[in-house]
Protein backbone atom coordinates (compact mmCIF):
# COMPACT_ATOMS: atom_id res chain seq x y z
CA MET A 1 189.08 30.11 88.90
CA ALA A 2 192.19 32.07 88.48
CA ASP A 3 192.12 35.80 87.87
CA THR A 4 194.17 35.21 84.88
CA GLN A 5 190.90 34.39 83.07
CA LEU A 6 189.72 38.00 83.61
CA THR A 7 191.70 39.18 80.56
CA THR A 8 191.10 41.97 78.21
CA THR A 9 190.35 39.45 75.50
CA ASN A 10 187.86 37.53 77.49
CA LEU A 11 186.26 40.62 78.89
CA THR A 12 186.00 42.51 75.61
CA THR A 13 184.77 39.61 73.47
CA SER A 14 182.21 38.61 76.29
CA ALA A 15 180.90 42.28 76.36
CA ALA A 16 180.72 42.27 72.54
CA THR A 17 178.70 39.09 72.65
CA PHE A 18 176.54 40.47 75.18
CA LEU A 19 175.68 43.51 73.22
CA ALA A 20 175.36 41.34 69.95
CA ASN A 21 172.87 39.07 71.80
CA ARG A 22 170.79 42.01 72.97
CA PHE A 23 170.76 43.51 69.48
CA THR A 24 169.64 40.13 68.08
CA GLN A 25 166.85 39.86 70.61
CA ALA A 26 165.63 43.34 69.60
CA GLY A 27 165.50 42.11 65.85
CA TRP A 28 168.90 43.33 64.53
CA GLU A 29 171.21 41.16 62.41
CA ILE A 30 174.85 41.38 63.61
CA TYR A 31 177.84 41.76 61.21
CA TRP A 32 181.08 40.87 62.86
CA GLN A 33 183.53 42.81 60.64
CA MET A 34 186.84 41.24 62.00
CA SER A 35 185.62 37.74 61.21
CA ASP A 36 183.21 38.65 58.29
CA ILE A 37 180.37 36.65 59.89
CA VAL A 38 176.69 37.58 60.07
CA SER A 39 174.50 36.24 62.87
CA GLY A 40 170.91 36.79 63.89
CA THR A 41 167.82 37.63 61.74
CA ALA A 42 167.25 41.11 60.53
CA THR A 43 163.74 42.42 61.27
CA ASN A 44 165.09 45.92 62.09
CA GLY A 45 168.23 46.08 60.09
CA SER A 46 171.94 45.25 60.37
CA VAL A 47 174.30 46.38 63.09
CA THR A 48 178.21 46.16 62.48
CA ILE A 49 180.43 45.33 65.38
CA VAL A 50 184.09 46.34 64.84
CA ALA A 51 187.22 46.01 66.97
CA GLU A 52 187.86 49.83 66.58
CA PHE A 53 186.59 52.65 64.32
CA PRO A 54 188.89 53.96 61.54
CA ALA A 55 190.48 57.34 62.29
CA GLU A 56 189.06 58.76 59.01
CA PRO A 57 185.27 59.60 59.00
CA ALA A 58 185.10 58.90 55.30
CA MET A 59 185.47 55.23 56.03
CA LEU A 60 182.17 55.28 57.93
CA VAL A 61 179.45 54.66 55.07
CA LEU A 62 175.76 54.80 55.21
CA PRO A 63 173.50 52.06 53.75
CA PRO A 64 172.58 50.98 51.10
CA LYS A 65 176.17 50.76 50.23
CA THR A 66 177.53 47.20 50.20
CA ARG A 67 180.13 46.06 52.81
CA THR A 68 183.82 46.17 52.21
CA SER A 69 186.63 45.11 54.50
CA SER A 70 188.14 48.69 54.72
CA GLU A 71 184.91 50.67 55.42
CA VAL A 72 182.30 50.42 58.26
CA LEU A 73 178.79 50.19 57.41
CA LEU A 74 176.56 52.21 59.88
CA PRO A 75 174.99 51.64 62.34
CA ALA A 76 178.03 50.20 64.03
CA PHE A 77 179.50 49.81 67.53
CA SER A 78 182.85 49.15 69.02
CA ILE A 79 183.53 47.68 72.45
CA GLN A 80 186.82 48.40 74.39
CA ILE A 81 188.07 47.60 77.94
CA SER A 82 190.23 50.19 79.73
CA ALA A 83 192.93 47.76 80.44
CA GLU A 84 193.51 44.57 82.34
CA PRO A 85 191.35 44.73 85.59
CA ILE A 86 193.01 46.40 88.46
CA GLU A 87 192.77 45.29 91.95
CA ILE A 88 191.28 47.89 94.35
CA GLU A 89 189.82 47.71 97.89
CA ARG A 90 186.60 48.98 98.91
CA ALA A 91 185.90 49.81 102.54
CA GLY A 92 182.63 48.58 104.24
CA LEU A 93 180.34 45.71 104.27
CA GLY A 94 181.34 42.98 101.99
CA GLU A 95 184.77 44.49 101.13
CA GLU A 96 186.45 41.05 101.40
CA ILE A 97 184.56 39.68 98.29
CA PHE A 98 185.57 42.64 96.12
CA LEU A 99 188.34 41.82 93.81
CA GLN A 100 188.95 44.09 90.81
CA GLN A 101 187.52 46.81 88.58
CA ALA A 102 187.83 47.93 84.84
CA GLN A 103 185.92 50.25 82.68
CA LEU A 104 184.01 49.17 79.56
CA PHE A 105 183.49 51.55 76.73
CA VAL A 106 180.87 51.08 73.92
CA ASP A 107 181.10 53.64 71.11
CA GLY A 108 178.72 53.82 68.22
CA TYR A 109 177.49 55.69 65.21
CA ALA A 110 173.84 55.84 64.15
CA VAL A 111 172.46 56.41 60.62
CA ASP A 112 169.91 59.06 61.63
CA LEU A 113 168.48 60.89 64.68
CA ALA A 114 165.65 58.26 65.25
CA GLN A 115 168.08 55.37 65.33
CA HIS A 116 170.48 57.47 67.54
CA MET A 117 167.88 58.05 70.13
CA ALA A 118 166.80 54.34 69.96
CA PHE A 119 170.26 53.09 70.36
CA ALA A 120 170.90 55.34 73.34
CA THR A 121 167.80 54.01 75.08
CA MET A 122 168.77 50.32 74.39
CA LEU A 123 172.30 50.95 75.84
CA ARG A 124 170.71 52.52 78.96
CA ASN A 125 168.39 49.63 79.40
CA TRP A 126 170.88 46.81 78.57
CA PHE A 127 173.77 48.06 80.67
CA LYS A 128 171.88 48.96 84.03
CA ASP A 129 173.58 49.02 87.22
CA GLY A 130 173.64 45.61 88.72
CA THR A 131 173.44 43.68 85.43
CA VAL A 132 175.60 40.75 85.52
CA LEU A 133 177.98 40.41 82.48
CA PRO A 134 178.61 36.61 81.72
CA ILE A 135 182.30 36.01 80.97
CA TYR A 136 183.50 33.32 78.54
CA ASP A 137 186.90 31.89 78.17
CA PHE A 138 187.59 32.97 74.39
CA GLU A 139 191.43 32.59 74.94
CA ASP A 140 191.42 28.88 75.77
CA SER A 141 188.63 27.88 73.28
CA PRO A 142 187.76 30.84 70.70
CA GLY A 143 185.36 28.71 68.74
CA ASN A 144 183.50 27.29 71.60
CA PRO A 145 184.24 29.28 74.71
CA SER A 146 183.19 27.90 78.11
CA LEU A 147 181.30 30.07 80.61
CA LEU A 148 183.48 30.98 83.61
CA GLU A 149 180.97 30.36 86.28
CA ASP A 150 183.23 31.24 89.09
CA GLU A 151 183.69 34.77 87.78
CA VAL A 152 181.06 37.25 88.76
CA VAL A 153 181.10 40.64 86.83
CA ILE A 154 178.57 43.30 87.77
CA MET A 155 178.03 46.62 85.81
CA GLU A 156 177.92 49.87 87.79
CA ASN A 157 177.88 53.60 87.22
CA ARG A 158 176.73 53.53 83.51
CA SER A 159 176.59 56.80 81.61
CA VAL A 160 175.45 57.17 78.06
CA ILE A 161 176.30 60.29 76.08
CA ARG A 162 174.64 61.21 72.80
CA LEU A 163 176.61 63.74 70.61
CA ILE A 164 175.09 65.11 67.39
CA ASP A 165 176.66 67.39 65.03
CA VAL A 166 174.03 70.15 65.07
CA ASP A 167 174.67 71.44 61.53
CA PRO A 168 172.11 69.52 59.40
CA ASN A 169 173.99 70.47 56.24
CA THR A 170 177.11 68.53 57.35
CA PRO A 171 177.18 65.54 55.03
CA ARG A 172 179.33 63.53 57.49
CA GLN A 173 178.55 60.00 58.51
CA ASP A 174 179.88 60.39 61.99
CA ARG A 175 177.15 63.04 62.78
CA TYR A 176 175.15 60.66 65.28
CA TYR A 177 177.77 59.43 67.73
CA LEU A 178 177.00 57.48 71.05
CA SER A 179 179.29 56.70 73.88
CA MET A 180 178.69 54.72 76.93
CA GLU A 181 180.94 54.10 79.90
CA VAL A 182 180.33 51.51 82.53
CA ASP A 183 182.38 50.19 85.58
CA LEU A 184 182.81 46.42 85.62
CA VAL A 185 183.21 45.10 89.04
CA PHE A 186 184.55 41.71 89.71
CA TYR A 187 183.46 39.61 92.86
CA ASP A 188 184.80 36.38 94.00
């Protein structure tokens, strides 16, 4: 397959789908804010997936508030790719099969400390080194994307950061922040 299928849209949407599927398997309902679609069955609660977080922390709202198009109901996650994959070379065994690399960023906000710790553990488990990220062709067929079977994308160098606003009197919704970075390595 042509490298043009390893686009930011295909990578970002495939990574968001990967994350949503993991949440669903763990008992979370998924709310896709951009398309106003709910998927999965909620045995643990609902997770919002957004394209990006608003710059104003007041737009992050805690349950049991109802959803609106301008506010983000927590817990919520955003998935971003650094840029189009860049071609680089690695020296050593197997260097001829290495193609490109990009960085995947997952940012999120949890409702409380327990949820914050649970989500950090989930991210560490789901995005382990060596995990294969299935890539789907959302650009050619957004409603029914086909799996790009010739594209092999492996996760490497994952790091998860948990940041907590230590002042318990702070009434801010952005108090329990999670951030994960992982390298995506593309093989032919």
